[in-house]
Amino acid sequence: MKINKDDIKKRIIYRASYRGTKELDVLISSFVNKIINNLNEDELLELEKFVNLSDEDLIKMNNNFYKHKIKSVNKIYREFYNFKPL
């Protein structure tokens, strides 16, 4: 099944920008804007799953509390671990 990359990008950008807390809006939208144009279809689907994680999980991941618990560290998680917001 062929996915429409533009539609998926729009959903990801919207979700990244409207999380519920301003801090996470800024953090996640900055991260998404940095990497979104360099991802293939599979990676976009992984990014969509990532931005749909709960705020609590994203905060823990950003603070590296989760690093040892992630079963499969994919490109999105590695990029997020290495992301340095402005």
N, C-alpha and C. Protein backbone atom coordinates (compact mmCIF):
# COMPACT_ATOMS: atom_id res chain seq x y z
N MET A 1 0.82 -1.18 0.00
CA MET A 1 0.00 0.00 0.00
C MET A 1 0.88 1.25 0.00
N LYS A 2 0.61 2.13 -0.90
CA LYS A 2 1.36 3.37 -1.04
C LYS A 2 0.79 4.43 -0.11
N ILE A 3 1.66 5.06 0.65
CA ILE A 3 1.20 6.12 1.54
C ILE A 3 1.49 7.48 0.91
N ASN A 4 0.70 8.45 1.27
CA ASN A 4 0.91 9.81 0.80
C ASN A 4 1.83 10.50 1.81
N LYS A 5 3.08 10.69 1.41
CA LYS A 5 4.08 11.26 2.32
C LYS A 5 3.70 12.65 2.80
N ASP A 6 3.09 13.44 1.95
CA ASP A 6 2.71 14.80 2.35
C ASP A 6 1.64 14.78 3.43
N ASP A 7 0.68 13.87 3.32
CA ASP A 7 -0.37 13.77 4.34
C ASP A 7 0.22 13.33 5.68
N ILE A 8 1.10 12.37 5.63
CA ILE A 8 1.72 11.87 6.88
C ILE A 8 2.57 12.98 7.50
N LYS A 9 3.31 13.73 6.70
CA LYS A 9 4.12 14.82 7.22
C LYS A 9 3.25 15.88 7.89
N LYS A 10 2.11 16.20 7.29
CA LYS A 10 1.20 17.18 7.87
C LYS A 10 0.68 16.71 9.22
N ARG A 11 0.31 15.43 9.31
CA ARG A 11 -0.18 14.89 10.58
C ARG A 11 0.90 14.94 11.66
N ILE A 12 2.11 14.59 11.27
CA ILE A 12 3.24 14.58 12.21
C ILE A 12 3.52 16.00 12.70
N ILE A 13 3.61 16.93 11.79
CA ILE A 13 3.92 18.32 12.15
C ILE A 13 2.82 18.89 13.05
N TYR A 14 1.57 18.59 12.74
CA TYR A 14 0.47 19.08 13.57
C TYR A 14 0.58 18.50 14.99
N ARG A 15 0.76 17.19 15.09
CA ARG A 15 0.83 16.55 16.40
C ARG A 15 2.04 17.04 17.20
N ALA A 16 3.15 17.26 16.52
CA ALA A 16 4.35 17.73 17.19
C ALA A 16 4.18 19.15 17.72
N SER A 17 3.35 19.93 17.07
CA SER A 17 3.17 21.34 17.44
C SER A 17 2.09 21.57 18.49
N TYR A 18 1.19 20.62 18.66
CA TYR A 18 0.07 20.78 19.58
C TYR A 18 0.00 19.61 20.55
N ARG A 19 0.93 19.59 21.49
CA ARG A 19 1.07 18.48 22.43
C ARG A 19 0.28 18.69 23.71
N GLY A 20 0.12 19.92 24.12
CA GLY A 20 -0.57 20.19 25.37
C GLY A 20 0.26 21.05 26.31
N THR A 21 1.57 20.95 26.21
CA THR A 21 2.45 21.83 26.99
C THR A 21 3.36 22.57 26.02
N LYS A 22 3.56 23.84 26.31
CA LYS A 22 4.36 24.67 25.40
C LYS A 22 5.79 24.16 25.28
N GLU A 23 6.35 23.66 26.38
CA GLU A 23 7.73 23.16 26.35
C GLU A 23 7.87 22.00 25.38
N LEU A 24 6.93 21.06 25.45
CA LEU A 24 7.01 19.92 24.53
C LEU A 24 6.65 20.32 23.11
N ASP A 25 5.75 21.29 22.95
CA ASP A 25 5.46 21.80 21.61
C ASP A 25 6.76 22.27 20.95
N VAL A 26 7.53 23.05 21.68
CA VAL A 26 8.78 23.60 21.15
C VAL A 26 9.81 22.50 20.91
N LEU A 27 10.00 21.64 21.88
CA LEU A 27 10.99 20.57 21.77
C LEU A 27 10.68 19.62 20.62
N ILE A 28 9.49 19.07 20.62
CA ILE A 28 9.15 18.05 19.62
C ILE A 28 9.00 18.66 18.23
N SER A 29 8.41 19.84 18.12
CA SER A 29 8.28 20.44 16.78
C SER A 29 9.65 20.82 16.22
N SER A 30 10.57 21.26 17.06
CA SER A 30 11.93 21.55 16.59
C SER A 30 12.61 20.28 16.09
N PHE A 31 12.47 19.23 16.85
CA PHE A 31 13.04 17.94 16.46
C PHE A 31 12.45 17.46 15.14
N VAL A 32 11.14 17.47 15.04
CA VAL A 32 10.45 17.00 13.83
C VAL A 32 10.87 17.83 12.62
N ASN A 33 10.88 19.15 12.76
CA ASN A 33 11.25 20.00 11.63
C ASN A 33 12.68 19.77 11.17
N LYS A 34 13.53 19.37 12.08
CA LYS A 34 14.93 19.12 11.72
C LYS A 34 15.08 17.86 10.87
N ILE A 35 14.30 16.81 11.16
CA ILE A 35 14.55 15.53 10.50
C ILE A 35 13.51 15.10 9.47
N ILE A 36 12.35 15.71 9.46
CA ILE A 36 11.23 15.17 8.69
C ILE A 36 11.49 15.05 7.19
N ASN A 37 12.24 15.95 6.62
CA ASN A 37 12.47 15.92 5.17
C ASN A 37 13.55 14.93 4.75
N ASN A 38 14.22 14.31 5.72
CA ASN A 38 15.28 13.35 5.41
C ASN A 38 14.87 11.91 5.66
N LEU A 39 13.57 11.66 5.83
CA LEU A 39 13.11 10.33 6.18
C LEU A 39 12.40 9.65 5.02
N ASN A 40 12.56 8.33 4.95
CA ASN A 40 11.82 7.56 3.96
C ASN A 40 10.44 7.22 4.52
N GLU A 41 9.63 6.50 3.78
CA GLU A 41 8.25 6.21 4.20
C GLU A 41 8.19 5.45 5.51
N ASP A 42 9.01 4.42 5.66
CA ASP A 42 9.01 3.63 6.90
C ASP A 42 9.41 4.48 8.09
N GLU A 43 10.40 5.32 7.91
CA GLU A 43 10.86 6.19 8.99
C GLU A 43 9.80 7.23 9.35
N LEU A 44 9.05 7.71 8.35
CA LEU A 44 7.96 8.64 8.64
C LEU A 44 6.90 7.97 9.50
N LEU A 45 6.61 6.71 9.22
CA LEU A 45 5.64 5.98 10.04
C LEU A 45 6.15 5.80 11.47
N GLU A 46 7.44 5.57 11.62
CA GLU A 46 8.04 5.47 12.96
C GLU A 46 7.98 6.82 13.67
N LEU A 47 8.23 7.89 12.93
CA LEU A 47 8.15 9.23 13.53
C LEU A 47 6.72 9.54 13.96
N GLU A 48 5.75 9.09 13.19
CA GLU A 48 4.36 9.31 13.56
C GLU A 48 4.04 8.58 14.87
N LYS A 49 4.52 7.37 15.03
CA LYS A 49 4.34 6.64 16.30
C LYS A 49 5.02 7.39 17.44
N PHE A 50 6.21 7.89 17.16
CA PHE A 50 6.99 8.62 18.16
C PHE A 50 6.24 9.85 18.66
N VAL A 51 5.72 10.69 17.76
CA VAL A 51 5.04 11.91 18.18
C VAL A 51 3.72 11.62 18.88
N ASN A 52 3.21 10.41 18.73
CA ASN A 52 1.97 10.05 19.40
C ASN A 52 2.19 9.41 20.76
N LEU A 53 3.45 9.30 21.20
CA LEU A 53 3.72 8.84 22.56
C LEU A 53 3.20 9.88 23.54
N SER A 54 2.96 9.45 24.76
CA SER A 54 2.47 10.39 25.78
C SER A 54 3.55 11.42 26.12
N ASP A 55 3.10 12.55 26.64
CA ASP A 55 4.04 13.59 27.05
C ASP A 55 5.02 13.07 28.10
N GLU A 56 4.51 12.29 29.03
CA GLU A 56 5.36 11.73 30.09
C GLU A 56 6.47 10.85 29.50
N ASP A 57 6.13 10.01 28.55
CA ASP A 57 7.15 9.15 27.93
C ASP A 57 8.18 9.97 27.16
N LEU A 58 7.73 10.99 26.47
CA LEU A 58 8.66 11.83 25.72
C LEU A 58 9.61 12.60 26.64
N ILE A 59 9.09 13.08 27.76
CA ILE A 59 9.95 13.78 28.72
C ILE A 59 10.99 12.83 29.28
N LYS A 60 10.57 11.64 29.64
CA LYS A 60 11.52 10.65 30.16
C LYS A 60 12.58 10.31 29.12
N MET A 61 12.15 10.16 27.88
CA MET A 61 13.11 9.84 26.82
C MET A 61 14.10 10.98 26.65
N ASN A 62 13.59 12.20 26.68
CA ASN A 62 14.47 13.35 26.52
C ASN A 62 15.50 13.43 27.63
N ASN A 63 15.14 12.99 28.80
CA ASN A 63 16.06 12.98 29.93
C ASN A 63 16.87 11.70 30.02
N ASN A 64 16.76 10.85 29.01
CA ASN A 64 17.50 9.59 28.89
C ASN A 64 17.17 8.57 29.99
N PHE A 65 16.02 8.70 30.62
CA PHE A 65 15.63 7.71 31.62
C PHE A 65 15.21 6.40 30.95
N TYR A 66 14.80 6.48 29.72
CA TYR A 66 14.26 5.32 29.02
C TYR A 66 15.30 4.54 28.23
N LYS A 67 16.44 5.09 28.07
CA LYS A 67 17.41 4.56 27.11
C LYS A 67 17.58 3.05 27.21
N HIS A 68 17.66 2.53 28.38
CA HIS A 68 17.89 1.10 28.55
C HIS A 68 16.63 0.26 28.39
N LYS A 69 15.45 0.87 28.36
CA LYS A 69 14.21 0.11 28.29
C LYS A 69 13.65 -0.03 26.89
N ILE A 70 14.14 0.72 25.93
CA ILE A 70 13.62 0.64 24.57
C ILE A 70 14.10 -0.66 23.94
N LYS A 71 13.15 -1.47 23.50
CA LYS A 71 13.49 -2.78 22.97
C LYS A 71 14.24 -2.69 21.65
N SER A 72 13.79 -1.85 20.76
CA SER A 72 14.49 -1.70 19.49
C SER A 72 14.73 -0.21 19.26
N VAL A 73 15.96 0.16 19.31
CA VAL A 73 16.30 1.56 19.11
C VAL A 73 16.40 1.81 17.61
N ASN A 74 15.41 2.51 17.08
CA ASN A 74 15.42 2.81 15.66
C ASN A 74 16.04 4.19 15.41
N LYS A 75 16.06 4.57 14.17
CA LYS A 75 16.68 5.83 13.78
C LYS A 75 16.04 7.03 14.48
N ILE A 76 14.74 7.02 14.64
CA ILE A 76 14.04 8.15 15.25
C ILE A 76 14.49 8.34 16.69
N TYR A 77 14.54 7.25 17.45
CA TYR A 77 14.97 7.34 18.85
C TYR A 77 16.42 7.79 18.95
N ARG A 78 17.28 7.27 18.09
CA ARG A 78 18.69 7.69 18.11
C ARG A 78 18.81 9.18 17.81
N GLU A 79 18.07 9.63 16.81
CA GLU A 79 18.10 11.06 16.46
C GLU A 79 17.60 11.91 17.63
N PHE A 80 16.56 11.45 18.31
CA PHE A 80 16.02 12.21 19.43
C PHE A 80 17.02 12.26 20.58
N TYR A 81 17.70 11.15 20.86
CA TYR A 81 18.71 11.14 21.92
C TYR A 81 19.82 12.16 21.63
N ASN A 82 20.17 12.27 20.36
CA ASN A 82 21.26 13.16 19.97
C ASN A 82 20.83 14.59 19.66
N PHE A 83 19.53 14.84 19.69
CA PHE A 83 18.99 16.16 19.33
C PHE A 83 19.34 17.19 20.38
N LYS A 84 19.84 18.30 19.93
CA LYS A 84 20.15 19.45 20.79
C LYS A 84 19.28 20.61 20.36
N PRO A 85 18.22 20.91 21.15
CA PRO A 85 17.35 22.02 20.74
C PRO A 85 18.08 23.35 20.81
N LEU A 86 17.60 24.28 20.03
CA LEU A 86 18.21 25.61 20.01
C LEU A 86 17.99 26.36 21.28
